[in-house]
Amino acid sequence: MDQLPALAKVFSYLSLLTIGGGMAAYPELQNLTVNVHHWLTGAQLIHIYSVGQMAPGPNMMVVAALGDQVSGFAGALVAALAFFVPTGFLTFGVGRLWVKLEHWPWRASIQKGLAPVAIGLAVAGTISFGKGAVTNWITLVVAVAIFAATLRTKVNPALLILGGAIVGGIALR
């Protein structure tokens, strides 16, 4: 129970970093949960985050699993609310304002400026995640193969994830 205020603070802060998706916040998520608060190890975070990406529904529901790991059901509830409520209100407010500013000359510039920010944050998250997940030549080969398949084919990503899990289960027992 003593971790609930810290969970609320961490996940409300992280919610504001998710421009471009949840992976954009991953480096800071890793820093705060592993290095600052020591709630998880790096390997535990990668495992929970990976499973969360496979689960149906919003992939950032992983925050509930992280909160549960720290403080049980109360932690899951606090982490989920802290993560989704601030950005929910922010999105609602900005969305309403955005409609009113439809003919504002700066609107297009803001949109063009946010796109590279979102891409940069997502790439930084992917690199941070990859540093912890790629631990030997087998995981490197799987990562490169999945990346190549993603770029060159239109294979359903769920099948790629399943294939990676099967290879990992066999090769990394």
N, C-alpha and C. Protein backbone atom coordinates (compact mmCIF):
# COMPACT_ATOMS: atom_id res chain seq x y z
N MET A 1 0.82 -1.21 0.00
CA MET A 1 0.00 0.00 0.00
C MET A 1 0.86 1.27 0.00
N ASP A 2 2.04 1.19 0.58
CA ASP A 2 2.87 2.38 0.65
C ASP A 2 3.42 2.78 -0.72
N GLN A 3 3.32 1.91 -1.71
CA GLN A 3 3.81 2.21 -3.06
C GLN A 3 2.74 2.87 -3.94
N LEU A 4 1.50 2.93 -3.47
CA LEU A 4 0.42 3.46 -4.31
C LEU A 4 0.64 4.91 -4.74
N PRO A 5 1.06 5.81 -3.85
CA PRO A 5 1.31 7.18 -4.32
C PRO A 5 2.44 7.23 -5.37
N ALA A 6 3.47 6.41 -5.17
CA ALA A 6 4.56 6.40 -6.14
C ALA A 6 4.08 5.84 -7.48
N LEU A 7 3.24 4.79 -7.44
CA LEU A 7 2.67 4.26 -8.68
C LEU A 7 1.86 5.32 -9.41
N ALA A 8 1.04 6.05 -8.67
CA ALA A 8 0.21 7.10 -9.28
C ALA A 8 1.09 8.17 -9.92
N LYS A 9 2.13 8.57 -9.23
CA LYS A 9 3.02 9.61 -9.75
C LYS A 9 3.75 9.12 -11.01
N VAL A 10 4.31 7.92 -10.95
CA VAL A 10 5.07 7.38 -12.08
C VAL A 10 4.18 7.22 -13.31
N PHE A 11 3.01 6.59 -13.14
CA PHE A 11 2.20 6.29 -14.32
C PHE A 11 1.44 7.50 -14.85
N SER A 12 1.13 8.47 -14.02
CA SER A 12 0.52 9.69 -14.57
C SER A 12 1.56 10.48 -15.36
N TYR A 13 2.80 10.46 -14.89
CA TYR A 13 3.89 11.10 -15.64
C TYR A 13 4.13 10.37 -16.97
N LEU A 14 4.21 9.05 -16.91
CA LEU A 14 4.45 8.27 -18.13
C LEU A 14 3.34 8.44 -19.16
N SER A 15 2.11 8.64 -18.68
CA SER A 15 0.99 8.79 -19.62
C SER A 15 1.19 9.98 -20.55
N LEU A 16 1.89 10.98 -20.07
CA LEU A 16 2.10 12.18 -20.88
C LEU A 16 3.24 12.02 -21.88
N LEU A 17 3.98 10.90 -21.80
CA LEU A 17 5.10 10.66 -22.71
C LEU A 17 4.74 9.75 -23.87
N THR A 18 3.50 9.32 -23.95
CA THR A 18 3.13 8.30 -24.93
C THR A 18 2.74 8.86 -26.29
N ILE A 19 3.31 9.98 -26.66
CA ILE A 19 3.08 10.51 -28.01
C ILE A 19 3.72 9.53 -28.98
N GLY A 20 2.92 8.95 -29.83
CA GLY A 20 3.44 7.97 -30.78
C GLY A 20 3.24 6.54 -30.32
N GLY A 21 2.60 6.35 -29.18
CA GLY A 21 2.34 4.99 -28.70
C GLY A 21 3.11 4.66 -27.44
N GLY A 22 2.78 3.52 -26.87
CA GLY A 22 3.36 3.11 -25.61
C GLY A 22 4.86 2.91 -25.65
N MET A 23 5.39 2.49 -26.79
CA MET A 23 6.83 2.27 -26.89
C MET A 23 7.59 3.57 -26.70
N ALA A 24 6.95 4.70 -26.97
CA ALA A 24 7.60 5.99 -26.79
C ALA A 24 7.97 6.23 -25.33
N ALA A 25 7.20 5.68 -24.41
CA ALA A 25 7.46 5.87 -22.99
C ALA A 25 8.34 4.78 -22.40
N TYR A 26 8.70 3.77 -23.19
CA TYR A 26 9.42 2.62 -22.64
C TYR A 26 10.74 2.98 -21.97
N PRO A 27 11.60 3.82 -22.57
CA PRO A 27 12.87 4.12 -21.88
C PRO A 27 12.65 4.71 -20.48
N GLU A 28 11.71 5.61 -20.35
CA GLU A 28 11.44 6.20 -19.03
C GLU A 28 10.74 5.20 -18.12
N LEU A 29 9.86 4.37 -18.67
CA LEU A 29 9.23 3.30 -17.90
C LEU A 29 10.30 2.39 -17.33
N GLN A 30 11.25 2.01 -18.14
CA GLN A 30 12.34 1.15 -17.69
C GLN A 30 13.16 1.86 -16.61
N ASN A 31 13.48 3.09 -16.83
CA ASN A 31 14.28 3.83 -15.85
C ASN A 31 13.57 3.90 -14.50
N LEU A 32 12.29 4.27 -14.54
CA LEU A 32 11.57 4.46 -13.28
C LEU A 32 11.25 3.15 -12.56
N THR A 33 10.83 2.13 -13.29
CA THR A 33 10.43 0.88 -12.63
C THR A 33 11.61 0.00 -12.24
N VAL A 34 12.69 0.06 -13.02
CA VAL A 34 13.85 -0.79 -12.75
C VAL A 34 14.92 -0.06 -11.96
N ASN A 35 15.33 1.11 -12.43
CA ASN A 35 16.48 1.80 -11.83
C ASN A 35 16.13 2.67 -10.63
N VAL A 36 15.02 3.39 -10.71
CA VAL A 36 14.68 4.33 -9.63
C VAL A 36 13.94 3.64 -8.48
N HIS A 37 12.84 2.97 -8.78
CA HIS A 37 12.01 2.39 -7.72
C HIS A 37 12.33 0.92 -7.43
N HIS A 38 13.07 0.26 -8.32
CA HIS A 38 13.46 -1.14 -8.13
C HIS A 38 12.26 -2.05 -7.93
N TRP A 39 11.17 -1.78 -8.64
CA TRP A 39 9.97 -2.61 -8.55
C TRP A 39 10.15 -3.90 -9.33
N LEU A 40 10.95 -3.84 -10.38
CA LEU A 40 11.16 -4.98 -11.28
C LEU A 40 12.62 -5.05 -11.69
N THR A 41 13.01 -6.20 -12.21
CA THR A 41 14.30 -6.29 -12.88
C THR A 41 14.07 -5.95 -14.36
N GLY A 42 15.13 -5.71 -15.07
CA GLY A 42 15.00 -5.44 -16.49
C GLY A 42 14.35 -6.59 -17.24
N ALA A 43 14.73 -7.82 -16.87
CA ALA A 43 14.16 -9.00 -17.53
C ALA A 43 12.67 -9.13 -17.22
N GLN A 44 12.26 -8.84 -15.98
CA GLN A 44 10.84 -8.91 -15.64
C GLN A 44 10.04 -7.88 -16.43
N LEU A 45 10.57 -6.68 -16.57
CA LEU A 45 9.87 -5.64 -17.32
C LEU A 45 9.71 -6.05 -18.78
N ILE A 46 10.76 -6.58 -19.38
CA ILE A 46 10.68 -7.03 -20.77
C ILE A 46 9.63 -8.12 -20.91
N HIS A 47 9.62 -9.06 -19.98
CA HIS A 47 8.65 -10.16 -20.03
C HIS A 47 7.22 -9.62 -19.93
N ILE A 48 6.95 -8.80 -18.92
CA ILE A 48 5.60 -8.26 -18.72
C ILE A 48 5.18 -7.40 -19.91
N TYR A 49 6.08 -6.56 -20.38
CA TYR A 49 5.77 -5.68 -21.50
C TYR A 49 5.49 -6.49 -22.77
N SER A 50 6.28 -7.53 -23.02
CA SER A 50 6.09 -8.37 -24.20
C SER A 50 4.74 -9.07 -24.16
N VAL A 51 4.40 -9.64 -23.02
CA VAL A 51 3.11 -10.32 -22.88
C VAL A 51 1.98 -9.30 -23.06
N GLY A 52 2.15 -8.11 -22.52
CA GLY A 52 1.15 -7.06 -22.67
C GLY A 52 0.93 -6.65 -24.11
N GLN A 53 1.98 -6.71 -24.92
CA GLN A 53 1.84 -6.37 -26.34
C GLN A 53 1.03 -7.42 -27.09
N MET A 54 1.06 -8.66 -26.60
CA MET A 54 0.32 -9.74 -27.25
C MET A 54 -1.13 -9.80 -26.82
N ALA A 55 -1.44 -9.26 -25.66
CA ALA A 55 -2.79 -9.38 -25.11
C ALA A 55 -3.78 -8.58 -25.97
N PRO A 56 -5.01 -9.06 -26.06
CA PRO A 56 -6.01 -8.29 -26.81
C PRO A 56 -6.37 -7.00 -26.08
N GLY A 57 -6.86 -6.05 -26.82
CA GLY A 57 -7.23 -4.77 -26.23
C GLY A 57 -6.07 -3.80 -26.29
N PRO A 58 -6.21 -2.68 -25.61
CA PRO A 58 -5.14 -1.68 -25.64
C PRO A 58 -3.85 -2.27 -25.08
N ASN A 59 -2.78 -2.19 -25.86
CA ASN A 59 -1.54 -2.82 -25.43
C ASN A 59 -0.93 -2.16 -24.19
N MET A 60 -1.33 -0.96 -23.87
CA MET A 60 -0.77 -0.32 -22.68
C MET A 60 -1.51 -0.71 -21.41
N MET A 61 -2.43 -1.65 -21.51
CA MET A 61 -3.01 -2.21 -20.28
C MET A 61 -1.93 -2.93 -19.47
N VAL A 62 -0.75 -3.06 -20.07
CA VAL A 62 0.39 -3.63 -19.36
C VAL A 62 0.68 -2.85 -18.08
N VAL A 63 0.28 -1.59 -18.02
CA VAL A 63 0.51 -0.82 -16.80
C VAL A 63 -0.23 -1.43 -15.62
N ALA A 64 -1.38 -2.03 -15.87
CA ALA A 64 -2.12 -2.69 -14.79
C ALA A 64 -1.33 -3.89 -14.28
N ALA A 65 -0.73 -4.64 -15.18
CA ALA A 65 0.10 -5.79 -14.77
C ALA A 65 1.31 -5.32 -13.97
N LEU A 66 1.88 -4.21 -14.37
CA LEU A 66 3.03 -3.67 -13.62
C LEU A 66 2.59 -3.22 -12.23
N GLY A 67 1.45 -2.53 -12.16
CA GLY A 67 0.93 -2.10 -10.86
C GLY A 67 0.60 -3.29 -9.97
N ASP A 68 0.05 -4.34 -10.57
CA ASP A 68 -0.26 -5.55 -9.82
C ASP A 68 1.01 -6.18 -9.26
N GLN A 69 2.06 -6.18 -10.03
CA GLN A 69 3.35 -6.73 -9.59
C GLN A 69 3.87 -5.98 -8.36
N VAL A 70 3.59 -4.69 -8.30
CA VAL A 70 4.11 -3.87 -7.21
C VAL A 70 3.21 -3.92 -5.98
N SER A 71 1.89 -3.78 -6.16
CA SER A 71 0.98 -3.65 -5.02
C SER A 71 -0.33 -4.39 -5.19
N GLY A 72 -0.34 -5.48 -5.92
CA GLY A 72 -1.55 -6.28 -6.06
C GLY A 72 -2.65 -5.54 -6.82
N PHE A 73 -3.90 -5.93 -6.54
CA PHE A 73 -5.04 -5.36 -7.26
C PHE A 73 -5.11 -3.84 -7.10
N ALA A 74 -4.86 -3.33 -5.91
CA ALA A 74 -4.89 -1.88 -5.70
C ALA A 74 -3.84 -1.19 -6.58
N GLY A 75 -2.67 -1.80 -6.69
CA GLY A 75 -1.62 -1.24 -7.54
C GLY A 75 -2.02 -1.25 -9.00
N ALA A 76 -2.68 -2.34 -9.43
CA ALA A 76 -3.14 -2.42 -10.81
C ALA A 76 -4.15 -1.32 -11.11
N LEU A 77 -5.07 -1.11 -10.19
CA LEU A 77 -6.10 -0.09 -10.37
C LEU A 77 -5.49 1.31 -10.40
N VAL A 78 -4.60 1.59 -9.47
CA VAL A 78 -3.96 2.91 -9.41
C VAL A 78 -3.13 3.16 -10.66
N ALA A 79 -2.34 2.18 -11.08
CA ALA A 79 -1.49 2.36 -12.25
C ALA A 79 -2.34 2.60 -13.50
N ALA A 80 -3.40 1.81 -13.68
CA ALA A 80 -4.25 1.97 -14.86
C ALA A 80 -4.95 3.33 -14.87
N LEU A 81 -5.52 3.72 -13.74
CA LEU A 81 -6.19 5.02 -13.68
C LEU A 81 -5.20 6.16 -13.88
N ALA A 82 -4.04 6.07 -13.24
CA ALA A 82 -3.04 7.13 -13.36
C ALA A 82 -2.52 7.24 -14.79
N PHE A 83 -2.48 6.13 -15.49
CA PHE A 83 -1.96 6.15 -16.86
C PHE A 83 -2.99 6.64 -17.86
N PHE A 84 -4.24 6.22 -17.71
CA PHE A 84 -5.24 6.52 -18.73
C PHE A 84 -6.06 7.78 -18.48
N VAL A 85 -6.31 8.15 -17.24
CA VAL A 85 -7.17 9.30 -16.96
C VAL A 85 -6.53 10.63 -17.38
N PRO A 86 -5.27 10.91 -17.01
CA PRO A 86 -4.71 12.21 -17.42
C PRO A 86 -4.71 12.42 -18.93
N THR A 87 -4.25 11.42 -19.68
CA THR A 87 -4.21 11.59 -21.13
C THR A 87 -5.61 11.55 -21.74
N GLY A 88 -6.53 10.87 -21.08
CA GLY A 88 -7.92 10.88 -21.56
C GLY A 88 -8.48 12.30 -21.52
N PHE A 89 -8.30 12.96 -20.39
CA PHE A 89 -8.78 14.34 -20.28
C PHE A 89 -8.01 15.27 -21.21
N LEU A 90 -6.69 15.08 -21.30
CA LEU A 90 -5.89 15.92 -22.18
C LEU A 90 -6.32 15.76 -23.63
N THR A 91 -6.52 14.52 -24.05
CA THR A 91 -6.94 14.25 -25.42
C THR A 91 -8.31 14.86 -25.70
N PHE A 92 -9.22 14.72 -24.76
CA PHE A 92 -10.55 15.31 -24.92
C PHE A 92 -10.45 16.82 -25.09
N GLY A 93 -9.68 17.47 -24.22
CA GLY A 93 -9.54 18.93 -24.29
C GLY A 93 -8.86 19.39 -25.55
N VAL A 94 -7.76 18.75 -25.90
CA VAL A 94 -7.03 19.14 -27.10
C VAL A 94 -7.87 18.86 -28.35
N GLY A 95 -8.60 17.74 -28.35
CA GLY A 95 -9.46 17.43 -29.49
C GLY A 95 -10.51 18.49 -29.73
N ARG A 96 -11.12 18.96 -28.65
CA ARG A 96 -12.14 20.01 -28.79
C ARG A 96 -11.50 21.31 -29.28
N LEU A 97 -10.33 21.64 -28.73
CA LEU A 97 -9.63 22.85 -29.14
C LEU A 97 -9.18 22.74 -30.59
N TRP A 98 -8.71 21.57 -30.98
CA TRP A 98 -8.21 21.34 -32.33
C TRP A 98 -9.28 21.60 -33.38
N VAL A 99 -10.50 21.21 -33.09
CA VAL A 99 -11.61 21.46 -34.01
C VAL A 99 -11.86 22.97 -34.13
N LYS A 100 -11.80 23.67 -33.02
CA LYS A 100 -12.03 25.12 -33.05
C LYS A 100 -10.92 25.86 -33.80
N LEU A 101 -9.72 25.27 -33.82
CA LEU A 101 -8.58 25.92 -34.48
C LEU A 101 -8.35 25.39 -35.89
N GLU A 102 -9.41 24.92 -36.51
CA GLU A 102 -9.29 24.28 -37.82
C GLU A 102 -8.60 25.17 -38.86
N HIS A 103 -8.83 26.44 -38.83
CA HIS A 103 -8.25 27.35 -39.83
C HIS A 103 -7.09 28.15 -39.28
N TRP A 104 -6.60 27.79 -38.13
CA TRP A 104 -5.47 28.48 -37.52
C TRP A 104 -4.20 28.16 -38.33
N PRO A 105 -3.40 29.16 -38.70
CA PRO A 105 -2.24 28.91 -39.57
C PRO A 105 -1.16 28.01 -38.93
N TRP A 106 -1.07 27.96 -37.62
CA TRP A 106 -0.04 27.16 -36.95
C TRP A 106 -0.42 25.69 -36.83
N ARG A 107 -1.66 25.36 -37.08
CA ARG A 107 -2.13 23.99 -36.88
C ARG A 107 -1.34 22.97 -37.71
N ALA A 108 -1.17 23.23 -38.98
CA ALA A 108 -0.44 22.30 -39.85
C ALA A 108 1.02 22.16 -39.40
N SER A 109 1.61 23.27 -38.97
CA SER A 109 3.01 23.22 -38.51
C SER A 109 3.14 22.37 -37.25
N ILE A 110 2.19 22.48 -36.35
CA ILE A 110 2.22 21.67 -35.13
C ILE A 110 2.10 20.20 -35.48
N GLN A 111 1.18 19.87 -36.38
CA GLN A 111 1.01 18.48 -36.80
C GLN A 111 2.28 17.94 -37.44
N LYS A 112 2.89 18.72 -38.32
CA LYS A 112 4.12 18.29 -38.98
C LYS A 112 5.28 18.17 -37.98
N GLY A 113 5.29 19.00 -36.97
CA GLY A 113 6.35 18.95 -35.97
C GLY A 113 6.21 17.79 -35.00
N LEU A 114 4.97 17.38 -34.71
CA LEU A 114 4.76 16.28 -33.77
C LEU A 114 5.04 14.92 -34.39
N ALA A 115 4.92 14.78 -35.69
CA ALA A 115 5.16 13.48 -36.33
C ALA A 115 6.59 12.99 -36.10
N PRO A 116 7.63 13.81 -36.33
CA PRO A 116 8.98 13.30 -36.08
C PRO A 116 9.25 13.07 -34.58
N VAL A 117 8.59 13.83 -33.72
CA VAL A 117 8.73 13.60 -32.28
C VAL A 117 8.20 12.22 -31.93
N ALA A 118 7.02 11.90 -32.44
CA ALA A 118 6.42 10.60 -32.17
C ALA A 118 7.30 9.48 -32.71
N ILE A 119 7.82 9.64 -33.91
CA ILE A 119 8.68 8.62 -34.49
C ILE A 119 9.97 8.48 -33.68
N GLY A 120 10.57 9.59 -33.31
CA GLY A 120 11.80 9.55 -32.53
C GLY A 120 11.62 8.87 -31.18
N LEU A 121 10.53 9.18 -30.50
CA LEU A 121 10.26 8.56 -29.21
C LEU A 121 10.00 7.06 -29.36
N ALA A 122 9.27 6.68 -30.39
CA ALA A 122 9.00 5.25 -30.62
C ALA A 122 10.28 4.50 -30.95
N VAL A 123 11.15 5.08 -31.77
CA VAL A 123 12.42 4.44 -32.11
C VAL A 123 13.31 4.33 -30.87
N ALA A 124 13.36 5.38 -30.07
CA ALA A 124 14.15 5.32 -28.83
C ALA A 124 13.64 4.22 -27.91
N GLY A 125 12.33 4.07 -27.82
CA GLY A 125 11.76 2.99 -27.01
C GLY A 125 12.11 1.63 -27.55
N THR A 126 12.06 1.49 -28.87
CA THR A 126 12.39 0.22 -29.50
C THR A 126 13.85 -0.14 -29.26
N ILE A 127 14.73 0.82 -29.37
CA ILE A 127 16.16 0.57 -29.13
C ILE A 127 16.39 0.19 -27.67
N SER A 128 15.77 0.91 -26.77
CA SER A 128 15.91 0.61 -25.34
C SER A 128 15.40 -0.79 -25.03
N PHE A 129 14.25 -1.14 -25.57
CA PHE A 129 13.67 -2.47 -25.38
C PHE A 129 14.60 -3.53 -25.98
N GLY A 130 15.09 -3.27 -27.17
CA GLY A 130 15.96 -4.22 -27.86
C GLY A 130 17.25 -4.49 -27.10
N LYS A 131 17.81 -3.47 -26.46
CA LYS A 131 19.04 -3.66 -25.70
C LYS A 131 18.86 -4.69 -24.59
N GLY A 132 17.68 -4.73 -24.00
CA GLY A 132 17.43 -5.70 -22.94
C GLY A 132 16.96 -7.04 -23.46
N ALA A 133 16.29 -7.06 -24.61
CA ALA A 133 15.71 -8.29 -25.13
C ALA A 133 16.68 -9.10 -25.98
N VAL A 134 17.57 -8.45 -26.69
CA VAL A 134 18.54 -9.15 -27.53
C VAL A 134 19.77 -9.43 -26.68
N THR A 135 19.85 -10.67 -26.22
CA THR A 135 20.90 -11.02 -25.25
C THR A 135 21.93 -12.00 -25.78
N ASN A 136 21.68 -12.61 -26.95
CA ASN A 136 22.65 -13.54 -27.54
C ASN A 136 22.39 -13.63 -29.03
N TRP A 137 23.14 -14.49 -29.72
CA TRP A 137 23.01 -14.54 -31.18
C TRP A 137 21.65 -15.08 -31.62
N ILE A 138 21.04 -15.96 -30.84
CA ILE A 138 19.73 -16.50 -31.21
C ILE A 138 18.67 -15.40 -31.17
N THR A 139 18.66 -14.62 -30.10
CA THR A 139 17.67 -13.55 -30.01
C THR A 139 17.94 -12.47 -31.06
N LEU A 140 19.21 -12.27 -31.42
CA LEU A 140 19.54 -11.31 -32.48
C LEU A 140 19.00 -11.79 -33.83
N VAL A 141 19.19 -13.07 -34.13
CA VAL A 141 18.69 -13.63 -35.39
C VAL A 141 17.16 -13.53 -35.45
N VAL A 142 16.49 -13.87 -34.35
CA VAL A 142 15.02 -13.78 -34.32
C VAL A 142 14.58 -12.33 -34.54
N ALA A 143 15.23 -11.40 -33.86
CA ALA A 143 14.85 -9.98 -33.99
C ALA A 143 15.05 -9.50 -35.42
N VAL A 144 16.17 -9.83 -36.04
CA VAL A 144 16.44 -9.40 -37.41
C VAL A 144 15.44 -10.05 -38.38
N ALA A 145 15.16 -11.33 -38.17
CA ALA A 145 14.21 -12.03 -39.05
C ALA A 145 12.81 -11.42 -38.94
N ILE A 146 12.38 -11.13 -37.74
CA ILE A 146 11.06 -10.53 -37.54
C ILE A 146 11.02 -9.14 -38.17
N PHE A 147 12.08 -8.37 -37.97
CA PHE A 147 12.15 -7.03 -38.55
C PHE A 147 12.08 -7.10 -40.08
N ALA A 148 12.86 -8.01 -40.68
CA ALA A 148 12.86 -8.17 -42.14
C ALA A 148 11.49 -8.62 -42.64
N ALA A 149 10.88 -9.56 -41.94
CA ALA A 149 9.56 -10.04 -42.35
C ALA A 149 8.52 -8.93 -42.26
N THR A 150 8.64 -8.09 -41.27
CA THR A 150 7.71 -6.97 -41.10
C THR A 150 7.85 -5.98 -42.26
N LEU A 151 9.09 -5.73 -42.67
CA LEU A 151 9.32 -4.77 -43.75
C LEU A 151 8.95 -5.33 -45.13
N ARG A 152 9.18 -6.61 -45.35
CA ARG A 152 9.06 -7.18 -46.69
C ARG A 152 7.73 -7.88 -46.96
N THR A 153 6.97 -8.21 -45.94
CA THR A 153 5.72 -8.95 -46.16
C THR A 153 4.58 -8.26 -45.44
N LYS A 154 3.41 -8.79 -45.68
CA LYS A 154 2.22 -8.29 -44.98
C LYS A 154 1.70 -9.36 -44.02
N VAL A 155 2.63 -10.13 -43.45
CA VAL A 155 2.26 -11.19 -42.51
C VAL A 155 1.69 -10.54 -41.25
N ASN A 156 0.65 -11.14 -40.74
CA ASN A 156 0.03 -10.66 -39.51
C ASN A 156 1.08 -10.65 -38.39
N PRO A 157 1.29 -9.52 -37.71
CA PRO A 157 2.29 -9.45 -36.64
C PRO A 157 2.07 -10.48 -35.54
N ALA A 158 0.83 -10.87 -35.30
CA ALA A 158 0.56 -11.89 -34.28
C ALA A 158 1.24 -13.20 -34.66
N LEU A 159 1.26 -13.53 -35.93
CA LEU A 159 1.93 -14.74 -36.38
C LEU A 159 3.45 -14.63 -36.20
N LEU A 160 3.98 -13.45 -36.43
CA LEU A 160 5.41 -13.25 -36.22
C LEU A 160 5.77 -13.39 -34.74
N ILE A 161 4.92 -12.85 -33.89
CA ILE A 161 5.14 -12.98 -32.45
C ILE A 161 5.08 -14.45 -32.04
N LEU A 162 4.08 -15.15 -32.54
CA LEU A 162 3.96 -16.57 -32.23
C LEU A 162 5.17 -17.35 -32.73
N GLY A 163 5.61 -17.05 -33.93
CA GLY A 163 6.80 -17.71 -34.48
C GLY A 163 8.03 -17.43 -33.64
N GLY A 164 8.20 -16.18 -33.22
CA GLY A 164 9.32 -15.84 -32.35
C GLY A 164 9.26 -16.56 -31.02
N ALA A 165 8.06 -16.70 -30.49
CA ALA A 165 7.89 -17.42 -29.22
C ALA A 165 8.24 -18.89 -29.37
N ILE A 166 7.84 -19.48 -30.49
CA ILE A 166 8.14 -20.91 -30.72
C ILE A 166 9.65 -21.11 -30.87
N VAL A 167 10.28 -20.26 -31.67
CA VAL A 167 11.73 -20.37 -31.84
C VAL A 167 12.43 -20.17 -30.50
N GLY A 168 12.00 -19.17 -29.76
CA GLY A 168 12.61 -18.92 -28.45
C GLY A 168 12.39 -20.08 -27.49
N GLY A 169 11.19 -20.64 -27.50
CA GLY A 169 10.89 -21.76 -26.62
C GLY A 169 11.73 -22.98 -26.91
N ILE A 170 12.00 -23.21 -28.20
CA ILE A 170 12.82 -24.36 -28.60
C ILE A 170 14.31 -24.10 -28.40
N ALA A 171 14.76 -22.94 -28.89
CA ALA A 171 16.20 -22.66 -28.90
C ALA A 171 16.76 -22.18 -27.56
N LEU A 172 15.92 -21.60 -26.74
CA LEU A 172 16.43 -20.98 -25.50
C LEU A 172 15.98 -21.69 -24.24
N ARG A 173 15.59 -22.95 -24.33
CA ARG A 173 15.12 -23.68 -23.16
C ARG A 173 16.02 -23.52 -22.01
